[in-house]
Amino acid sequence: TIETAAYSLYRRRNDELEKKIDAVIDMYGRLQQPDGYLSSWYQRIRPGLRWTNLRDCHELYCAGHLIEGAVAYYQATGKRKLLDIMCRYADHIAETFGP
């Protein structure tokens, strides 16, 4: 949703849409764990089981989509907040799985 909104904002400014996406980004910022991890499913529904089923549970897939959304939103608005959140998540992924 964030990526799609970003493409829309890139084409035409929409203050109301941007405000809604900023609110969602703020929620992601509050949800992110101190080590950078960010997956609402595992944090709220399956705590303690993160990174335990990469094949079926799509943690890396979802992270990739959030990263794409963060890049698109930065390109559309110049706002770094989600990009910075996702950089922390990417650092966490690299620390967890190695280079």
PDB file of N, CA and C in Angstrom:
ATOM      1  N   THR A   1       0.822  -1.188   0.000  1.00  0.00           N
ATOM      2  CA  THR A   1       0.000   0.000   0.000  1.00  0.00           C
ATOM      3  C   THR A   1       0.868   1.256   0.000  1.00  0.00           C
ATOM      4  N   ILE A   2       1.938   1.227   0.791  1.00  0.00           N
ATOM      5  CA  ILE A   2       2.816   2.402   0.855  1.00  0.00           C
ATOM      6  C   ILE A   2       3.472   2.641  -0.498  1.00  0.00           C
ATOM      7  N   GLU A   3       3.914   1.584  -1.135  1.00  0.00           N
ATOM      8  CA  GLU A   3       4.560   1.737  -2.438  1.00  0.00           C
ATOM      9  C   GLU A   3       3.580   2.303  -3.466  1.00  0.00           C
ATOM     10  N   THR A   4       2.376   1.795  -3.482  1.00  0.00           N
ATOM     11  CA  THR A   4       1.366   2.292  -4.417  1.00  0.00           C
ATOM     12  C   THR A   4       1.045   3.756  -4.140  1.00  0.00           C
ATOM     13  N   ALA A   5       0.884   4.093  -2.869  1.00  0.00           N
ATOM     14  CA  ALA A   5       0.630   5.492  -2.510  1.00  0.00           C
ATOM     15  C   ALA A   5       1.787   6.372  -2.962  1.00  0.00           C
ATOM     16  N   ALA A   6       3.001   5.872  -2.800  1.00  0.00           N
ATOM     17  CA  ALA A   6       4.178   6.651  -3.211  1.00  0.00           C
ATOM     18  C   ALA A   6       4.161   6.925  -4.707  1.00  0.00           C
ATOM     19  N   TYR A   7       3.810   5.927  -5.511  1.00  0.00           N
ATOM     20  CA  TYR A   7       3.748   6.147  -6.960  1.00  0.00           C
ATOM     21  C   TYR A   7       2.677   7.178  -7.297  1.00  0.00           C
ATOM     22  N   SER A   8       1.570   7.144  -6.583  1.00  0.00           N
ATOM     23  CA  SER A   8       0.515   8.136  -6.792  1.00  0.00           C
ATOM     24  C   SER A   8       1.012   9.526  -6.408  1.00  0.00           C
ATOM     25  N   LEU A   9       1.679   9.630  -5.263  1.00  0.00           N
ATOM     26  CA  LEU A   9       2.200  10.926  -4.805  1.00  0.00           C
ATOM     27  C   LEU A   9       3.292  11.452  -5.733  1.00  0.00           C
ATOM     28  N   TYR A  10       4.042  10.547  -6.329  1.00  0.00           N
ATOM     29  CA  TYR A  10       5.090  10.949  -7.267  1.00  0.00           C
ATOM     30  C   TYR A  10       4.475  11.650  -8.473  1.00  0.00           C
ATOM     31  N   ARG A  11       3.318  11.158  -8.890  1.00  0.00           N
ATOM     32  CA  ARG A  11       2.646  11.736 -10.064  1.00  0.00           C
ATOM     33  C   ARG A  11       1.897  13.020  -9.737  1.00  0.00           C
ATOM     34  N   ARG A  12       1.250  13.030  -8.545  1.00  0.00           N
ATOM     35  CA  ARG A  12       0.463  14.205  -8.172  1.00  0.00           C
ATOM     36  C   ARG A  12       0.403  14.323  -6.652  1.00  0.00           C
ATOM     37  N   ARG A  13       0.739  15.471  -6.171  1.00  0.00           N
ATOM     38  CA  ARG A  13       0.729  15.723  -4.726  1.00  0.00           C
ATOM     39  C   ARG A  13      -0.693  15.562  -4.184  1.00  0.00           C
ATOM     40  N   ASN A  14      -0.768  14.915  -2.995  1.00  0.00           N
ATOM     41  CA  ASN A  14      -2.050  14.711  -2.335  1.00  0.00           C
ATOM     42  C   ASN A  14      -1.765  14.748  -0.835  1.00  0.00           C
ATOM     43  N   ASP A  15      -1.985  15.899  -0.236  1.00  0.00           N
ATOM     44  CA  ASP A  15      -1.637  16.093   1.175  1.00  0.00           C
ATOM     45  C   ASP A  15      -2.378  15.125   2.095  1.00  0.00           C
ATOM     46  N   GLU A  16      -3.634  14.823   1.789  1.00  0.00           N
ATOM     47  CA  GLU A  16      -4.421  13.919   2.630  1.00  0.00           C
ATOM     48  C   GLU A  16      -3.842  12.499   2.590  1.00  0.00           C
ATOM     49  N   LEU A  17      -3.513  12.011   1.405  1.00  0.00           N
ATOM     50  CA  LEU A  17      -2.913  10.680   1.276  1.00  0.00           C
ATOM     51  C   LEU A  17      -1.560  10.635   1.975  1.00  0.00           C
ATOM     52  N   GLU A  18      -0.763  11.643   1.779  1.00  0.00           N
ATOM     53  CA  GLU A  18       0.563  11.693   2.408  1.00  0.00           C
ATOM     54  C   GLU A  18       0.442  11.673   3.938  1.00  0.00           C
ATOM     55  N   LYS A  19      -0.524  12.389   4.463  1.00  0.00           N
ATOM     56  CA  LYS A  19      -0.742  12.418   5.912  1.00  0.00           C
ATOM     57  C   LYS A  19      -1.117  11.025   6.428  1.00  0.00           C
ATOM     58  N   LYS A  20      -1.948  10.299   5.696  1.00  0.00           N
ATOM     59  CA  LYS A  20      -2.337   8.942   6.089  1.00  0.00           C
ATOM     60  C   LYS A  20      -1.138   8.001   6.075  1.00  0.00           C
ATOM     61  N   ILE A  21      -0.325   8.097   5.047  1.00  0.00           N
ATOM     62  CA  ILE A  21       0.852   7.229   4.953  1.00  0.00           C
ATOM     63  C   ILE A  21       1.855   7.591   6.046  1.00  0.00           C
ATOM     64  N   ASP A  22       2.021   8.859   6.330  1.00  0.00           N
ATOM     65  CA  ASP A  22       2.909   9.268   7.422  1.00  0.00           C
ATOM     66  C   ASP A  22       2.454   8.662   8.753  1.00  0.00           C
ATOM     67  N   ALA A  23       1.151   8.580   8.970  1.00  0.00           N
ATOM     68  CA  ALA A  23       0.629   7.975  10.200  1.00  0.00           C
ATOM     69  C   ALA A  23       0.953   6.482  10.255  1.00  0.00           C
ATOM     70  N   VAL A  24       0.858   5.798   9.130  1.00  0.00           N
ATOM     71  CA  VAL A  24       1.217   4.380   9.072  1.00  0.00           C
ATOM     72  C   VAL A  24       2.710   4.207   9.343  1.00  0.00           C
ATOM     73  N   ILE A  25       3.511   5.069   8.761  1.00  0.00           N
ATOM     74  CA  ILE A  25       4.960   5.021   8.977  1.00  0.00           C
ATOM     75  C   ILE A  25       5.283   5.238  10.453  1.00  0.00           C
ATOM     76  N   ASP A  26       4.591   6.163  11.081  1.00  0.00           N
ATOM     77  CA  ASP A  26       4.792   6.380  12.519  1.00  0.00           C
ATOM     78  C   ASP A  26       4.501   5.099  13.307  1.00  0.00           C
ATOM     79  N   MET A  27       3.460   4.361  12.894  1.00  0.00           N
ATOM     80  CA  MET A  27       3.137   3.097  13.570  1.00  0.00           C
ATOM     81  C   MET A  27       4.262   2.083  13.388  1.00  0.00           C
ATOM     82  N   TYR A  28       4.818   2.013  12.189  1.00  0.00           N
ATOM     83  CA  TYR A  28       5.950   1.110  11.965  1.00  0.00           C
ATOM     84  C   TYR A  28       7.122   1.492  12.861  1.00  0.00           C
ATOM     85  N   GLY A  29       7.352   2.784  12.998  1.00  0.00           N
ATOM     86  CA  GLY A  29       8.444   3.239  13.862  1.00  0.00           C
ATOM     87  C   GLY A  29       8.254   2.814  15.305  1.00  0.00           C
ATOM     88  N   ARG A  30       7.029   2.892  15.778  1.00  0.00           N
ATOM     89  CA  ARG A  30       6.742   2.469  17.159  1.00  0.00           C
ATOM     90  C   ARG A  30       6.801   0.952  17.316  1.00  0.00           C
ATOM     91  N   LEU A  31       6.492   0.230  16.266  1.00  0.00           N
ATOM     92  CA  LEU A  31       6.481  -1.237  16.315  1.00  0.00           C
ATOM     93  C   LEU A  31       7.890  -1.832  16.253  1.00  0.00           C
ATOM     94  N   GLN A  32       8.806  -1.148  15.585  1.00  0.00           N
ATOM     95  CA  GLN A  32      10.141  -1.705  15.386  1.00  0.00           C
ATOM     96  C   GLN A  32      10.816  -2.006  16.714  1.00  0.00           C
ATOM     97  N   GLN A  33      11.389  -3.203  16.803  1.00  0.00           N
ATOM     98  CA  GLN A  33      12.065  -3.611  18.023  1.00  0.00           C
ATOM     99  C   GLN A  33      13.451  -2.978  18.109  1.00  0.00           C
ATOM    100  N   PRO A  34      14.023  -2.903  19.312  1.00  0.00           N
ATOM    101  CA  PRO A  34      15.327  -2.242  19.490  1.00  0.00           C
ATOM    102  C   PRO A  34      16.441  -2.801  18.590  1.00  0.00           C
ATOM    103  N   ASP A  35      16.376  -4.094  18.260  1.00  0.00           N
ATOM    104  CA  ASP A  35      17.414  -4.668  17.399  1.00  0.00           C
ATOM    105  C   ASP A  35      17.144  -4.440  15.915  1.00  0.00           C
ATOM    106  N   GLY A  36      16.039  -3.752  15.586  1.00  0.00           N
ATOM    107  CA  GLY A  36      15.719  -3.434  14.197  1.00  0.00           C
ATOM    108  C   GLY A  36      14.659  -4.330  13.584  1.00  0.00           C
ATOM    109  N   TYR A  37      14.343  -5.447  14.231  1.00  0.00           N
ATOM    110  CA  TYR A  37      13.357  -6.383  13.683  1.00  0.00           C
ATOM    111  C   TYR A  37      12.000  -5.703  13.537  1.00  0.00           C
ATOM    112  N   LEU A  38      11.272  -6.073  12.454  1.00  0.00           N
ATOM    113  CA  LEU A  38       9.984  -5.441  12.194  1.00  0.00           C
ATOM    114  C   LEU A  38       9.077  -6.381  11.403  1.00  0.00           C
ATOM    115  N   SER A  39       8.237  -7.101  12.107  1.00  0.00           N
ATOM    116  CA  SER A  39       7.201  -7.922  11.468  1.00  0.00           C
ATOM    117  C   SER A  39       6.032  -8.010  12.435  1.00  0.00           C
ATOM    118  N   SER A  40       4.959  -7.324  12.118  1.00  0.00           N
ATOM    119  CA  SER A  40       3.826  -7.264  13.041  1.00  0.00           C
ATOM    120  C   SER A  40       3.253  -8.651  13.326  1.00  0.00           C
ATOM    121  N   TRP A  41       3.272  -9.540  12.355  1.00  0.00           N
ATOM    122  CA  TRP A  41       2.746 -10.891  12.569  1.00  0.00           C
ATOM    123  C   TRP A  41       3.519 -11.595  13.684  1.00  0.00           C
ATOM    124  N   TYR A  42       4.812 -11.604  13.567  1.00  0.00           N
ATOM    125  CA  TYR A  42       5.618 -12.303  14.576  1.00  0.00           C
ATOM    126  C   TYR A  42       5.686 -11.535  15.893  1.00  0.00           C
ATOM    127  N   GLN A  43       5.620 -10.252  15.838  1.00  0.00           N
ATOM    128  CA  GLN A  43       5.696  -9.474  17.072  1.00  0.00           C
ATOM    129  C   GLN A  43       4.405  -9.555  17.880  1.00  0.00           C
ATOM    130  N   ARG A  44       3.279  -9.664  17.203  1.00  0.00           N
ATOM    131  CA  ARG A  44       2.004  -9.642  17.908  1.00  0.00           C
ATOM    132  C   ARG A  44       1.326 -11.011  17.981  1.00  0.00           C
ATOM    133  N   ILE A  45       1.420 -11.803  16.938  1.00  0.00           N
ATOM    134  CA  ILE A  45       0.692 -13.070  16.862  1.00  0.00           C
ATOM    135  C   ILE A  45       1.577 -14.256  17.239  1.00  0.00           C
ATOM    136  N   ARG A  46       2.831 -14.244  16.813  1.00  0.00           N
ATOM    137  CA  ARG A  46       3.739 -15.375  17.019  1.00  0.00           C
ATOM    138  C   ARG A  46       5.043 -14.945  17.688  1.00  0.00           C
ATOM    139  N   PRO A  47       4.978 -14.232  18.808  1.00  0.00           N
ATOM    140  CA  PRO A  47       6.222 -13.765  19.439  1.00  0.00           C
ATOM    141  C   PRO A  47       7.126 -14.939  19.807  1.00  0.00           C
ATOM    142  N   GLY A  48       8.409 -14.711  19.641  1.00  0.00           N
ATOM    143  CA  GLY A  48       9.383 -15.747  19.953  1.00  0.00           C
ATOM    144  C   GLY A  48       9.663 -16.705  18.819  1.00  0.00           C
ATOM    145  N   LEU A  49       8.963 -16.575  17.710  1.00  0.00           N
ATOM    146  CA  LEU A  49       9.148 -17.510  16.594  1.00  0.00           C
ATOM    147  C   LEU A  49       9.698 -16.856  15.333  1.00  0.00           C
ATOM    148  N   ARG A  50      10.221 -15.645  15.470  1.00  0.00           N
ATOM    149  CA  ARG A  50      10.734 -14.991  14.268  1.00  0.00           C
ATOM    150  C   ARG A  50      11.896 -15.785  13.674  1.00  0.00           C
ATOM    151  N   TRP A  51      11.971 -15.729  12.352  1.00  0.00           N
ATOM    152  CA  TRP A  51      12.995 -16.406  11.558  1.00  0.00           C
ATOM    153  C   TRP A  51      12.980 -17.929  11.730  1.00  0.00           C
ATOM    154  N   THR A  52      11.857 -18.519  12.119  1.00  0.00           N
ATOM    155  CA  THR A  52      11.814 -19.971  12.319  1.00  0.00           C
ATOM    156  C   THR A  52      11.231 -20.731  11.137  1.00  0.00           C
ATOM    157  N   ASN A  53      10.583 -20.035  10.193  1.00  0.00           N
ATOM    158  CA  ASN A  53      10.003 -20.723   9.041  1.00  0.00           C
ATOM    159  C   ASN A  53      10.070 -19.798   7.830  1.00  0.00           C
ATOM    160  N   LEU A  54      11.263 -19.619   7.309  1.00  0.00           N
ATOM    161  CA  LEU A  54      11.474 -18.686   6.203  1.00  0.00           C
ATOM    162  C   LEU A  54      10.757 -19.131   4.935  1.00  0.00           C
ATOM    163  N   ARG A  55      10.634 -20.424   4.743  1.00  0.00           N
ATOM    164  CA  ARG A  55      10.015 -20.920   3.511  1.00  0.00           C
ATOM    165  C   ARG A  55       8.534 -20.569   3.422  1.00  0.00           C
ATOM    166  N   ASP A  56       7.811 -20.724   4.511  1.00  0.00           N
ATOM    167  CA  ASP A  56       6.361 -20.587   4.450  1.00  0.00           C
ATOM    168  C   ASP A  56       5.807 -19.277   4.996  1.00  0.00           C
ATOM    169  N   CYS A  57       6.557 -18.590   5.806  1.00  0.00           N
ATOM    170  CA  CYS A  57       5.965 -17.454   6.526  1.00  0.00           C
ATOM    171  C   CYS A  57       6.357 -16.081   6.001  1.00  0.00           C
ATOM    172  N   HIS A  58       7.135 -16.007   4.989  1.00  0.00           N
ATOM    173  CA  HIS A  58       7.326 -14.794   4.189  1.00  0.00           C
ATOM    174  C   HIS A  58       7.952 -13.598   4.900  1.00  0.00           C
ATOM    175  N   GLU A  59       8.710 -13.798   5.953  1.00  0.00           N
ATOM    176  CA  GLU A  59       9.301 -12.644   6.640  1.00  0.00           C
ATOM    177  C   GLU A  59      10.210 -11.843   5.715  1.00  0.00           C
ATOM    178  N   LEU A  60      11.072 -12.518   4.976  1.00  0.00           N
ATOM    179  CA  LEU A  60      11.989 -11.805   4.090  1.00  0.00           C
ATOM    180  C   LEU A  60      11.250 -11.205   2.898  1.00  0.00           C
ATOM    181  N   TYR A  61      10.257 -11.904   2.405  1.00  0.00           N
ATOM    182  CA  TYR A  61       9.425 -11.401   1.310  1.00  0.00           C
ATOM    183  C   TYR A  61       8.742 -10.095   1.717  1.00  0.00           C
ATOM    184  N   CYS A  62       8.132 -10.098   2.897  1.00  0.00           N
ATOM    185  CA  CYS A  62       7.461  -8.894   3.398  1.00  0.00           C
ATOM    186  C   CYS A  62       8.462  -7.769   3.652  1.00  0.00           C
ATOM    187  N   ALA A  63       9.628  -8.116   4.165  1.00  0.00           N
ATOM    188  CA  ALA A  63      10.673  -7.111   4.374  1.00  0.00           C
ATOM    189  C   ALA A  63      11.050  -6.466   3.044  1.00  0.00           C
ATOM    190  N   GLY A  64      11.172  -7.274   2.015  1.00  0.00           N
ATOM    191  CA  GLY A  64      11.512  -6.743   0.691  1.00  0.00           C
ATOM    192  C   GLY A  64      10.475  -5.757   0.180  1.00  0.00           C
ATOM    193  N   HIS A  65       9.210  -6.078   0.373  1.00  0.00           N
ATOM    194  CA  HIS A  65       8.161  -5.164  -0.063  1.00  0.00           C
ATOM    195  C   HIS A  65       8.177  -3.867   0.745  1.00  0.00           C
ATOM    196  N   LEU A  66       8.429  -3.965   2.033  1.00  0.00           N
ATOM    197  CA  LEU A  66       8.529  -2.749   2.844  1.00  0.00           C
ATOM    198  C   LEU A  66       9.716  -1.896   2.411  1.00  0.00           C
ATOM    199  N   ILE A  67      10.815  -2.545   2.071  1.00  0.00           N
ATOM    200  CA  ILE A  67      11.986  -1.803   1.585  1.00  0.00           C
ATOM    201  C   ILE A  67      11.648  -1.097   0.277  1.00  0.00           C
ATOM    202  N   GLU A  68      10.980  -1.786  -0.635  1.00  0.00           N
ATOM    203  CA  GLU A  68      10.577  -1.158  -1.894  1.00  0.00           C
ATOM    204  C   GLU A  68       9.655   0.033  -1.638  1.00  0.00           C
ATOM    205  N   GLY A  69       8.728  -0.131  -0.704  1.00  0.00           N
ATOM    206  CA  GLY A  69       7.834   0.966  -0.359  1.00  0.00           C
ATOM    207  C   GLY A  69       8.585   2.140   0.240  1.00  0.00           C
ATOM    208  N   ALA A  70       9.566   1.847   1.074  1.00  0.00           N
ATOM    209  CA  ALA A  70      10.359   2.904   1.706  1.00  0.00           C
ATOM    210  C   ALA A  70      11.136   3.704   0.664  1.00  0.00           C
ATOM    211  N   VAL A  71      11.729   3.014  -0.282  1.00  0.00           N
ATOM    212  CA  VAL A  71      12.482   3.692  -1.341  1.00  0.00           C
ATOM    213  C   VAL A  71      11.544   4.549  -2.192  1.00  0.00           C
ATOM    214  N   ALA A  72      10.409   3.981  -2.573  1.00  0.00           N
ATOM    215  CA  ALA A  72       9.453   4.716  -3.403  1.00  0.00           C
ATOM    216  C   ALA A  72       8.916   5.941  -2.670  1.00  0.00           C
ATOM    217  N   TYR A  73       8.635   5.796  -1.381  1.00  0.00           N
ATOM    218  CA  TYR A  73       8.094   6.917  -0.609  1.00  0.00           C
ATOM    219  C   TYR A  73       9.137   8.020  -0.450  1.00  0.00           C
ATOM    220  N   TYR A  74      10.381   7.631  -0.252  1.00  0.00           N
ATOM    221  CA  TYR A  74      11.451   8.620  -0.177  1.00  0.00           C
ATOM    222  C   TYR A  74      11.590   9.359  -1.513  1.00  0.00           C
ATOM    223  N   GLN A  75      11.550   8.608  -2.604  1.00  0.00           N
ATOM    224  CA  GLN A  75      11.680   9.239  -3.915  1.00  0.00           C
ATOM    225  C   GLN A  75      10.515  10.189  -4.202  1.00  0.00           C
ATOM    226  N   ALA A  76       9.332   9.829  -3.726  1.00  0.00           N
ATOM    227  CA  ALA A  76       8.144  10.645  -3.999  1.00  0.00           C
ATOM    228  C   ALA A  76       8.048  11.870  -3.101  1.00  0.00           C
ATOM    229  N   THR A  77       8.518  11.744  -1.844  1.00  0.00           N
ATOM    230  CA  THR A  77       8.281  12.817  -0.869  1.00  0.00           C
ATOM    231  C   THR A  77       9.549  13.445  -0.305  1.00  0.00           C
ATOM    232  N   GLY A  78      10.668  12.742  -0.431  1.00  0.00           N
ATOM    233  CA  GLY A  78      11.906  13.209   0.181  1.00  0.00           C
ATOM    234  C   GLY A  78      11.981  12.909   1.669  1.00  0.00           C
ATOM    235  N   LYS A  79      10.977  12.231   2.219  1.00  0.00           N
ATOM    236  CA  LYS A  79      10.945  11.906   3.646  1.00  0.00           C
ATOM    237  C   LYS A  79      11.695  10.601   3.899  1.00  0.00           C
ATOM    238  N   ARG A  80      12.598  10.627   4.859  1.00  0.00           N
ATOM    239  CA  ARG A  80      13.480   9.486   5.134  1.00  0.00           C
ATOM    240  C   ARG A  80      12.995   8.561   6.249  1.00  0.00           C
ATOM    241  N   LYS A  81      11.944   8.911   6.939  1.00  0.00           N
ATOM    242  CA  LYS A  81      11.587   8.166   8.149  1.00  0.00           C
ATOM    243  C   LYS A  81      11.432   6.666   7.885  1.00  0.00           C
ATOM    244  N   LEU A  82      10.614   6.282   6.920  1.00  0.00           N
ATOM    245  CA  LEU A  82      10.442   4.857   6.626  1.00  0.00           C
ATOM    246  C   LEU A  82      11.731   4.266   6.062  1.00  0.00           C
ATOM    247  N   LEU A  83      12.444   5.011   5.260  1.00  0.00           N
ATOM    248  CA  LEU A  83      13.708   4.532   4.723  1.00  0.00           C
ATOM    249  C   LEU A  83      14.691   4.226   5.856  1.00  0.00           C
ATOM    250  N   ASP A  84      14.765   5.092   6.854  1.00  0.00           N
ATOM    251  CA  ASP A  84      15.644   4.864   7.998  1.00  0.00           C
ATOM    252  C   ASP A  84      15.198   3.643   8.812  1.00  0.00           C
ATOM    253  N   ILE A  85      13.893   3.487   8.990  1.00  0.00           N
ATOM    254  CA  ILE A  85      13.361   2.313   9.687  1.00  0.00           C
ATOM    255  C   ILE A  85      13.770   1.046   8.946  1.00  0.00           C
ATOM    256  N   MET A  86      13.621   1.060   7.653  1.00  0.00           N
ATOM    257  CA  MET A  86      13.942  -0.138   6.875  1.00  0.00           C
ATOM    258  C   MET A  86      15.447  -0.376   6.777  1.00  0.00           C
ATOM    259  N   CYS A  87      16.246   0.658   6.838  1.00  0.00           N
ATOM    260  CA  CYS A  87      17.706   0.478   6.899  1.00  0.00           C
ATOM    261  C   CYS A  87      18.084  -0.261   8.182  1.00  0.00           C
ATOM    262  N   ARG A  88      17.433   0.113   9.289  1.00  0.00           N
ATOM    263  CA  ARG A  88      17.682  -0.602  10.553  1.00  0.00           C
ATOM    264  C   ARG A  88      17.254  -2.069  10.430  1.00  0.00           C
ATOM    265  N   TYR A  89      16.131  -2.315   9.756  1.00  0.00           N
ATOM    266  CA  TYR A  89      15.656  -3.689   9.569  1.00  0.00           C
ATOM    267  C   TYR A  89      16.639  -4.458   8.674  1.00  0.00           C
ATOM    268  N   ALA A  90      17.094  -3.826   7.617  1.00  0.00           N
ATOM    269  CA  ALA A  90      18.068  -4.473   6.729  1.00  0.00           C
ATOM    270  C   ALA A  90      19.364  -4.784   7.475  1.00  0.00           C
ATOM    271  N   ASP A  91      19.800  -3.878   8.330  1.00  0.00           N
ATOM    272  CA  ASP A  91      20.982  -4.146   9.155  1.00  0.00           C
ATOM    273  C   ASP A  91      20.736  -5.353  10.064  1.00  0.00           C
ATOM    274  N   HIS A  92      19.554  -5.433  10.638  1.00  0.00           N
ATOM    275  CA  HIS A  92      19.215  -6.581  11.487  1.00  0.00           C
ATOM    276  C   HIS A  92      19.262  -7.878  10.674  1.00  0.00           C
ATOM    277  N   ILE A  93      18.699  -7.855   9.485  1.00  0.00           N
ATOM    278  CA  ILE A  93      18.705  -9.049   8.631  1.00  0.00           C
ATOM    279  C   ILE A  93      20.133  -9.457   8.317  1.00  0.00           C
ATOM    280  N   ALA A  94      20.978  -8.500   7.985  1.00  0.00           N
ATOM    281  CA  ALA A  94      22.377  -8.803   7.677  1.00  0.00           C
ATOM    282  C   ALA A  94      23.103  -9.361   8.904  1.00  0.00           C
ATOM    283  N   GLU A  95      22.814  -8.815  10.073  1.00  0.00           N
ATOM    284  CA  GLU A  95      23.436  -9.322  11.301  1.00  0.00           C
ATOM    285  C   GLU A  95      22.956 -10.735  11.631  1.00  0.00           C
ATOM    286  N   THR A  96      21.706 -11.022  11.307  1.00  0.00           N
ATOM    287  CA  THR A  96      21.129 -12.332  11.604  1.00  0.00           C
ATOM    288  C   THR A  96      21.640 -13.404  10.647  1.00  0.00           C
ATOM    289  N   PHE A  97      21.694 -13.087   9.353  1.00  0.00           N
ATOM    290  CA  PHE A  97      22.011 -14.094   8.341  1.00  0.00           C
ATOM    291  C   PHE A  97      23.405 -13.975   7.746  1.00  0.00           C
ATOM    292  N   GLY A  98      24.094 -12.883   8.022  1.00  0.00           N
ATOM    293  CA  GLY A  98      25.432 -12.694   7.469  1.00  0.00           C
ATOM    294  C   GLY A  98      25.374 -12.079   6.087  1.00  0.00           C
ATOM    295  N   PRO A  99      26.559 -11.843   5.531  1.00  0.00           N
ATOM    296  CA  PRO A  99      26.601 -11.197   4.213  1.00  0.00           C
ATOM    297  C   PRO A  99      26.109 -12.125   3.107  1.00  0.00           C
TER     298      PRO A  99
END
